[in-house]
């Protein structure tokens, strides 16, 4: 299994969707679960398969009407790497949110210039 050359938020969403399924899943279901466009999801699935994180095969359900679906499954090594990747991405996102919240709290308590003018000052101070 090869490491991924880049981990985008869309890649994390696709990995998370694959982790949340106990069985093989078709691409359009991943599109629906992630809210990502098919033009993003399918290239990600192709990259994951090329790197050995995912295997795929055509559905063999003759009783189902409609076109055959390509089913995707995380490999055991891919599932382990996906869990780590998703957890790391969530931790980074949480840390970033905390930094943004701290910065906003500091800006709100010290007064800042925004689109509405100076905030954090009394009326007399703001007009002086």
N, C-alpha and C. Protein backbone atom coordinates (compact mmCIF):
# COMPACT_ATOMS: atom_id res chain seq x y z
N UNK A 1 0.84 -1.17 0.00
CA UNK A 1 0.00 0.00 0.00
C UNK A 1 0.89 1.24 0.00
N UNK A 2 0.53 2.20 -0.83
CA UNK A 2 1.30 3.43 -0.95
C UNK A 2 0.66 4.55 -0.14
N UNK A 3 1.47 5.47 0.37
CA UNK A 3 0.88 6.64 1.04
C UNK A 3 0.24 7.55 0.00
N UNK A 4 -0.76 8.29 0.42
CA UNK A 4 -1.41 9.23 -0.50
C UNK A 4 -0.56 10.48 -0.64
N UNK A 5 -0.46 10.99 -1.85
CA UNK A 5 0.37 12.17 -2.10
C UNK A 5 -0.25 13.44 -1.54
N UNK A 6 -1.58 13.44 -1.41
CA UNK A 6 -2.26 14.61 -0.83
C UNK A 6 -3.55 14.14 -0.16
N UNK A 7 -3.86 14.80 0.93
CA UNK A 7 -5.08 14.50 1.67
C UNK A 7 -5.90 15.78 1.69
N UNK A 8 -6.93 15.82 0.87
CA UNK A 8 -7.81 16.99 0.81
C UNK A 8 -9.02 16.74 1.71
N UNK A 9 -9.78 17.79 2.03
CA UNK A 9 -11.01 17.57 2.79
C UNK A 9 -11.97 16.59 2.08
N UNK A 10 -12.00 16.64 0.76
CA UNK A 10 -12.85 15.70 0.02
C UNK A 10 -12.35 14.26 0.19
N UNK A 11 -11.03 14.07 0.21
CA UNK A 11 -10.48 12.73 0.43
C UNK A 11 -10.87 12.22 1.81
N UNK A 12 -10.79 13.08 2.80
CA UNK A 12 -11.18 12.69 4.16
C UNK A 12 -12.65 12.31 4.20
N UNK A 13 -13.50 13.07 3.50
CA UNK A 13 -14.93 12.74 3.47
C UNK A 13 -15.18 11.38 2.83
N UNK A 14 -14.48 11.08 1.74
CA UNK A 14 -14.64 9.80 1.06
C UNK A 14 -14.16 8.66 1.96
N UNK A 15 -13.00 8.85 2.61
CA UNK A 15 -12.50 7.82 3.53
C UNK A 15 -13.47 7.59 4.68
N UNK A 16 -14.03 8.66 5.21
CA UNK A 16 -14.99 8.55 6.30
C UNK A 16 -16.23 7.79 5.85
N UNK A 17 -16.72 8.08 4.66
CA UNK A 17 -17.89 7.37 4.13
C UNK A 17 -17.59 5.87 3.97
N UNK A 18 -16.40 5.55 3.48
CA UNK A 18 -16.02 4.14 3.33
C UNK A 18 -15.90 3.45 4.68
N UNK A 19 -15.37 4.16 5.68
CA UNK A 19 -15.22 3.59 7.02
C UNK A 19 -16.58 3.33 7.67
N UNK A 20 -17.56 4.14 7.34
CA UNK A 20 -18.88 4.01 7.95
C UNK A 20 -19.73 2.90 7.35
N UNK A 21 -19.23 2.23 6.32
CA UNK A 21 -19.95 1.14 5.69
C UNK A 21 -19.34 -0.19 6.09
N UNK A 22 -20.18 -1.13 6.46
CA UNK A 22 -19.67 -2.44 6.86
C UNK A 22 -19.47 -3.36 5.65
N UNK A 23 -20.01 -2.96 4.52
CA UNK A 23 -19.92 -3.78 3.32
C UNK A 23 -19.41 -2.92 2.17
N UNK A 24 -19.27 -3.50 1.01
CA UNK A 24 -18.86 -2.74 -0.17
C UNK A 24 -19.91 -1.67 -0.47
N UNK A 25 -19.46 -0.58 -1.04
CA UNK A 25 -20.36 0.54 -1.31
C UNK A 25 -20.10 1.06 -2.73
N UNK A 26 -21.15 1.48 -3.41
CA UNK A 26 -20.99 1.99 -4.76
C UNK A 26 -20.73 3.49 -4.72
N UNK A 27 -20.12 3.96 -5.78
CA UNK A 27 -19.65 5.34 -5.84
C UNK A 27 -20.74 6.38 -5.65
N UNK A 28 -21.91 6.18 -6.26
CA UNK A 28 -22.96 7.17 -6.15
C UNK A 28 -23.46 7.30 -4.72
N UNK A 29 -23.43 6.23 -3.96
CA UNK A 29 -23.82 6.31 -2.55
C UNK A 29 -22.81 7.18 -1.79
N UNK A 30 -21.53 7.04 -2.11
CA UNK A 30 -20.50 7.88 -1.48
C UNK A 30 -20.73 9.35 -1.86
N UNK A 31 -21.09 9.61 -3.11
CA UNK A 31 -21.41 10.97 -3.56
C UNK A 31 -22.54 11.53 -2.69
N UNK A 32 -23.59 10.74 -2.49
CA UNK A 32 -24.73 11.20 -1.70
C UNK A 32 -24.37 11.40 -0.24
N UNK A 33 -23.58 10.48 0.33
CA UNK A 33 -23.22 10.57 1.75
C UNK A 33 -22.31 11.75 2.04
N UNK A 34 -21.41 12.05 1.12
CA UNK A 34 -20.44 13.12 1.37
C UNK A 34 -20.94 14.49 0.92
N UNK A 35 -21.89 14.52 0.01
CA UNK A 35 -22.32 15.78 -0.55
C UNK A 35 -21.31 16.35 -1.54
N UNK A 36 -20.33 15.57 -1.88
CA UNK A 36 -19.29 15.99 -2.84
C UNK A 36 -19.74 15.62 -4.25
N UNK A 37 -19.31 16.39 -5.26
CA UNK A 37 -19.69 16.06 -6.64
C UNK A 37 -19.00 14.79 -7.12
N UNK A 38 -19.69 14.10 -8.03
CA UNK A 38 -19.14 12.87 -8.60
C UNK A 38 -17.78 13.13 -9.24
N UNK A 39 -17.60 14.32 -9.80
CA UNK A 39 -16.32 14.68 -10.43
C UNK A 39 -15.17 14.79 -9.45
N UNK A 40 -15.48 14.83 -8.16
CA UNK A 40 -14.45 14.78 -7.11
C UNK A 40 -14.32 13.39 -6.53
N UNK A 41 -15.45 12.74 -6.30
CA UNK A 41 -15.45 11.44 -5.61
C UNK A 41 -14.80 10.34 -6.44
N UNK A 42 -15.17 10.23 -7.71
CA UNK A 42 -14.63 9.13 -8.51
C UNK A 42 -13.12 9.21 -8.73
N UNK A 43 -12.55 10.39 -8.99
CA UNK A 43 -11.08 10.45 -9.07
C UNK A 43 -10.40 10.09 -7.74
N UNK A 44 -11.03 10.45 -6.62
CA UNK A 44 -10.47 10.09 -5.31
C UNK A 44 -10.50 8.57 -5.15
N UNK A 45 -11.62 7.95 -5.50
CA UNK A 45 -11.71 6.49 -5.41
C UNK A 45 -10.67 5.82 -6.30
N UNK A 46 -10.44 6.39 -7.47
CA UNK A 46 -9.42 5.85 -8.38
C UNK A 46 -8.03 5.96 -7.77
N UNK A 47 -7.73 7.12 -7.15
CA UNK A 47 -6.43 7.30 -6.48
C UNK A 47 -6.27 6.33 -5.32
N UNK A 48 -7.35 6.16 -4.53
CA UNK A 48 -7.29 5.23 -3.39
C UNK A 48 -7.05 3.80 -3.87
N UNK A 49 -7.69 3.44 -4.97
CA UNK A 49 -7.49 2.09 -5.50
C UNK A 49 -6.08 1.92 -6.04
N UNK A 50 -5.58 2.92 -6.74
CA UNK A 50 -4.22 2.87 -7.28
C UNK A 50 -3.17 2.76 -6.19
N UNK A 51 -3.46 3.36 -5.02
CA UNK A 51 -2.52 3.33 -3.90
C UNK A 51 -2.70 2.07 -3.04
N UNK A 52 -3.69 1.25 -3.36
CA UNK A 52 -3.90 0.01 -2.61
C UNK A 52 -4.73 0.17 -1.34
N UNK A 53 -5.38 1.30 -1.16
CA UNK A 53 -6.23 1.52 0.02
C UNK A 53 -7.60 0.88 -0.18
N UNK A 54 -8.02 0.77 -1.45
CA UNK A 54 -9.37 0.32 -1.80
C UNK A 54 -9.27 -0.72 -2.91
N UNK A 55 -10.19 -1.66 -2.89
CA UNK A 55 -10.37 -2.56 -4.03
C UNK A 55 -11.77 -2.30 -4.58
N UNK A 56 -11.97 -2.66 -5.84
CA UNK A 56 -13.30 -2.47 -6.42
C UNK A 56 -13.61 -3.61 -7.37
N UNK A 57 -14.87 -3.78 -7.61
CA UNK A 57 -15.33 -4.80 -8.54
C UNK A 57 -16.76 -4.50 -8.94
N UNK A 58 -17.18 -5.12 -10.03
CA UNK A 58 -18.52 -4.89 -10.51
C UNK A 58 -19.53 -5.71 -9.71
N UNK A 59 -20.65 -5.11 -9.43
CA UNK A 59 -21.74 -5.78 -8.73
C UNK A 59 -22.23 -6.96 -9.59
N UNK A 60 -22.54 -8.06 -8.92
CA UNK A 60 -23.01 -9.24 -9.63
C UNK A 60 -24.40 -9.64 -9.17
N UNK A 61 -25.28 -8.67 -9.06
CA UNK A 61 -26.66 -8.92 -8.64
C UNK A 61 -27.55 -8.88 -9.88
N UNK A 62 -27.81 -10.06 -10.46
CA UNK A 62 -28.62 -10.14 -11.67
C UNK A 62 -30.09 -9.80 -11.41
N UNK A 63 -30.52 -9.91 -10.17
CA UNK A 63 -31.92 -9.64 -9.84
C UNK A 63 -32.21 -8.13 -9.79
N UNK A 64 -31.18 -7.32 -9.60
CA UNK A 64 -31.37 -5.88 -9.52
C UNK A 64 -31.48 -5.29 -10.92
N UNK A 65 -32.50 -4.46 -11.13
CA UNK A 65 -32.67 -3.79 -12.42
C UNK A 65 -31.70 -2.62 -12.52
N UNK A 66 -31.36 -2.24 -13.73
CA UNK A 66 -30.50 -1.09 -13.92
C UNK A 66 -29.07 -1.48 -14.24
N UNK A 67 -28.28 -0.47 -14.41
CA UNK A 67 -26.87 -0.68 -14.75
C UNK A 67 -26.11 -1.29 -13.58
N UNK A 68 -25.07 -2.05 -13.92
CA UNK A 68 -24.21 -2.60 -12.85
C UNK A 68 -23.54 -1.46 -12.12
N UNK A 69 -23.27 -1.69 -10.84
CA UNK A 69 -22.58 -0.68 -10.03
C UNK A 69 -21.18 -1.19 -9.70
N UNK A 70 -20.24 -0.26 -9.64
CA UNK A 70 -18.88 -0.60 -9.20
C UNK A 70 -18.87 -0.44 -7.69
N UNK A 71 -18.47 -1.51 -6.99
CA UNK A 71 -18.47 -1.52 -5.54
C UNK A 71 -17.04 -1.33 -5.02
N UNK A 72 -16.91 -0.51 -3.99
CA UNK A 72 -15.61 -0.18 -3.41
C UNK A 72 -15.54 -0.67 -1.98
N UNK A 73 -14.39 -1.24 -1.62
CA UNK A 73 -14.16 -1.75 -0.28
C UNK A 73 -12.75 -1.36 0.16
N UNK A 74 -12.64 -0.87 1.39
CA UNK A 74 -11.32 -0.61 1.95
C UNK A 74 -10.59 -1.92 2.19
N UNK A 75 -9.31 -1.97 1.86
CA UNK A 75 -8.50 -3.13 2.22
C UNK A 75 -8.25 -3.07 3.73
N UNK A 76 -7.83 -4.15 4.37
CA UNK A 76 -7.53 -4.07 5.81
C UNK A 76 -6.49 -2.99 6.13
N UNK A 77 -5.42 -2.92 5.31
CA UNK A 77 -4.40 -1.89 5.52
C UNK A 77 -4.97 -0.51 5.22
N UNK A 78 -5.80 -0.43 4.19
CA UNK A 78 -6.43 0.83 3.82
C UNK A 78 -7.38 1.33 4.91
N UNK A 79 -8.10 0.39 5.54
CA UNK A 79 -9.01 0.78 6.63
C UNK A 79 -8.23 1.34 7.81
N UNK A 80 -7.12 0.71 8.15
CA UNK A 80 -6.29 1.19 9.26
C UNK A 80 -5.73 2.58 8.94
N UNK A 81 -5.22 2.75 7.73
CA UNK A 81 -4.68 4.05 7.32
C UNK A 81 -5.79 5.10 7.25
N UNK A 82 -6.97 4.70 6.79
CA UNK A 82 -8.10 5.64 6.69
C UNK A 82 -8.52 6.11 8.08
N UNK A 83 -8.57 5.21 9.05
CA UNK A 83 -8.93 5.60 10.42
C UNK A 83 -7.94 6.64 10.95
N UNK A 84 -6.67 6.40 10.73
CA UNK A 84 -5.64 7.33 11.18
C UNK A 84 -5.75 8.67 10.45
N UNK A 85 -5.94 8.62 9.14
CA UNK A 85 -6.04 9.83 8.33
C UNK A 85 -7.24 10.67 8.74
N UNK A 86 -8.40 10.04 8.92
CA UNK A 86 -9.61 10.76 9.31
C UNK A 86 -9.44 11.35 10.71
N UNK A 87 -8.88 10.58 11.63
CA UNK A 87 -8.67 11.08 13.00
C UNK A 87 -7.70 12.26 13.00
N UNK A 88 -6.62 12.17 12.23
CA UNK A 88 -5.66 13.27 12.13
C UNK A 88 -6.31 14.53 11.55
N UNK A 89 -7.13 14.34 10.51
CA UNK A 89 -7.79 15.48 9.88
C UNK A 89 -8.78 16.14 10.84
N UNK A 90 -9.50 15.33 11.59
CA UNK A 90 -10.44 15.89 12.58
C UNK A 90 -9.70 16.64 13.68
N UNK A 91 -8.58 16.09 14.13
CA UNK A 91 -7.79 16.76 15.17
C UNK A 91 -7.26 18.09 14.66
N UNK A 92 -6.77 18.13 13.43
CA UNK A 92 -6.27 19.38 12.85
C UNK A 92 -7.40 20.39 12.70
N UNK A 93 -8.57 19.93 12.28
CA UNK A 93 -9.71 20.84 12.12
C UNK A 93 -10.15 21.39 13.48
N UNK A 94 -10.15 20.55 14.51
CA UNK A 94 -10.53 21.00 15.85
C UNK A 94 -9.53 22.01 16.38
N UNK A 95 -8.24 21.77 16.15
CA UNK A 95 -7.20 22.70 16.60
C UNK A 95 -7.34 24.03 15.88
N UNK A 96 -7.64 23.99 14.59
CA UNK A 96 -7.81 25.22 13.82
C UNK A 96 -9.03 25.99 14.33
N UNK A 97 -10.13 25.29 14.59
CA UNK A 97 -11.33 25.95 15.12
C UNK A 97 -11.06 26.60 16.46
N UNK A 98 -10.28 25.93 17.30
CA UNK A 98 -9.95 26.48 18.61
C UNK A 98 -9.10 27.74 18.46
N UNK A 99 -8.14 27.72 17.52
CA UNK A 99 -7.31 28.92 17.28
C UNK A 99 -8.16 30.08 16.79
N UNK A 100 -9.07 29.79 15.87
CA UNK A 100 -9.95 30.84 15.34
C UNK A 100 -10.82 31.41 16.45
N UNK A 101 -11.36 30.54 17.30
CA UNK A 101 -12.20 31.00 18.40
C UNK A 101 -11.41 31.86 19.38
N UNK A 102 -10.18 31.44 19.69
CA UNK A 102 -9.35 32.25 20.59
C UNK A 102 -9.03 33.60 19.99
N UNK A 103 -8.70 33.62 18.70
CA UNK A 103 -8.39 34.87 18.02
C UNK A 103 -9.62 35.78 18.02
N UNK A 104 -10.78 35.23 17.74
CA UNK A 104 -12.01 36.03 17.72
C UNK A 104 -12.33 36.56 19.12
N UNK A 105 -12.10 35.74 20.13
CA UNK A 105 -12.38 36.17 21.51
C UNK A 105 -11.43 37.31 21.90
N UNK A 106 -10.16 37.20 21.52
CA UNK A 106 -9.21 38.27 21.83
C UNK A 106 -9.57 39.55 21.08
N UNK A 107 -9.94 39.41 19.84
CA UNK A 107 -10.30 40.59 19.05
C UNK A 107 -11.55 41.26 19.61
N UNK A 108 -12.48 40.47 20.10
CA UNK A 108 -13.70 41.03 20.67
C UNK A 108 -13.47 41.71 22.00
N UNK A 109 -12.50 41.26 22.77
CA UNK A 109 -12.28 41.85 24.09
C UNK A 109 -11.34 43.05 24.06
N UNK A 110 -10.55 43.19 23.01
CA UNK A 110 -9.59 44.29 22.95
C UNK A 110 -10.05 45.41 22.06
N UNK A 111 -11.15 45.20 21.36
CA UNK A 111 -11.61 46.21 20.42
C UNK A 111 -10.93 46.00 19.09
N UNK A 112 -11.67 46.09 18.03
CA UNK A 112 -11.10 45.90 16.71
C UNK A 112 -11.86 46.75 15.72
N UNK A 113 -11.23 46.97 14.60
CA UNK A 113 -11.87 47.74 13.55
C UNK A 113 -12.51 46.75 12.60
N UNK A 114 -13.80 46.87 12.42
CA UNK A 114 -14.53 46.00 11.51
C UNK A 114 -15.26 46.84 10.50
N UNK A 115 -16.13 46.23 9.74
CA UNK A 115 -16.86 46.95 8.71
C UNK A 115 -17.81 47.97 9.32
N UNK A 116 -18.21 47.78 10.58
CA UNK A 116 -19.12 48.71 11.23
C UNK A 116 -18.36 49.78 12.01
N UNK A 117 -17.04 49.80 11.94
CA UNK A 117 -16.25 50.79 12.66
C UNK A 117 -15.51 50.17 13.81
N UNK A 118 -15.24 50.93 14.83
CA UNK A 118 -14.48 50.46 15.97
C UNK A 118 -15.44 49.80 16.95
N UNK A 119 -15.09 48.58 17.40
CA UNK A 119 -15.91 47.88 18.37
C UNK A 119 -15.14 47.75 19.67
N UNK A 120 -15.84 47.51 20.73
CA UNK A 120 -15.19 47.32 22.02
C UNK A 120 -14.96 48.65 22.73
N UNK A 121 -15.46 49.75 22.19
CA UNK A 121 -15.29 51.07 22.81
C UNK A 121 -16.65 51.65 23.12
N UNK A 122 -16.70 52.50 24.10
CA UNK A 122 -17.97 53.17 24.42
C UNK A 122 -18.27 54.20 23.34
N UNK A 123 -19.48 54.72 23.33
CA UNK A 123 -19.87 55.69 22.33
C UNK A 123 -18.97 56.91 22.29
N UNK A 124 -18.59 57.45 23.46
CA UNK A 124 -17.73 58.64 23.51
C UNK A 124 -16.34 58.33 22.97
N UNK A 125 -15.81 57.12 23.29
CA UNK A 125 -14.47 56.76 22.81
C UNK A 125 -14.48 56.54 21.32
N UNK A 126 -15.56 55.95 20.80
CA UNK A 126 -15.62 55.63 19.38
C UNK A 126 -15.72 56.88 18.52
N UNK A 127 -16.34 57.95 19.06
CA UNK A 127 -16.49 59.17 18.25
C UNK A 127 -15.34 60.13 18.43
N UNK A 128 -14.47 59.90 19.40
CA UNK A 128 -13.35 60.82 19.69
C UNK A 128 -12.27 60.71 18.64
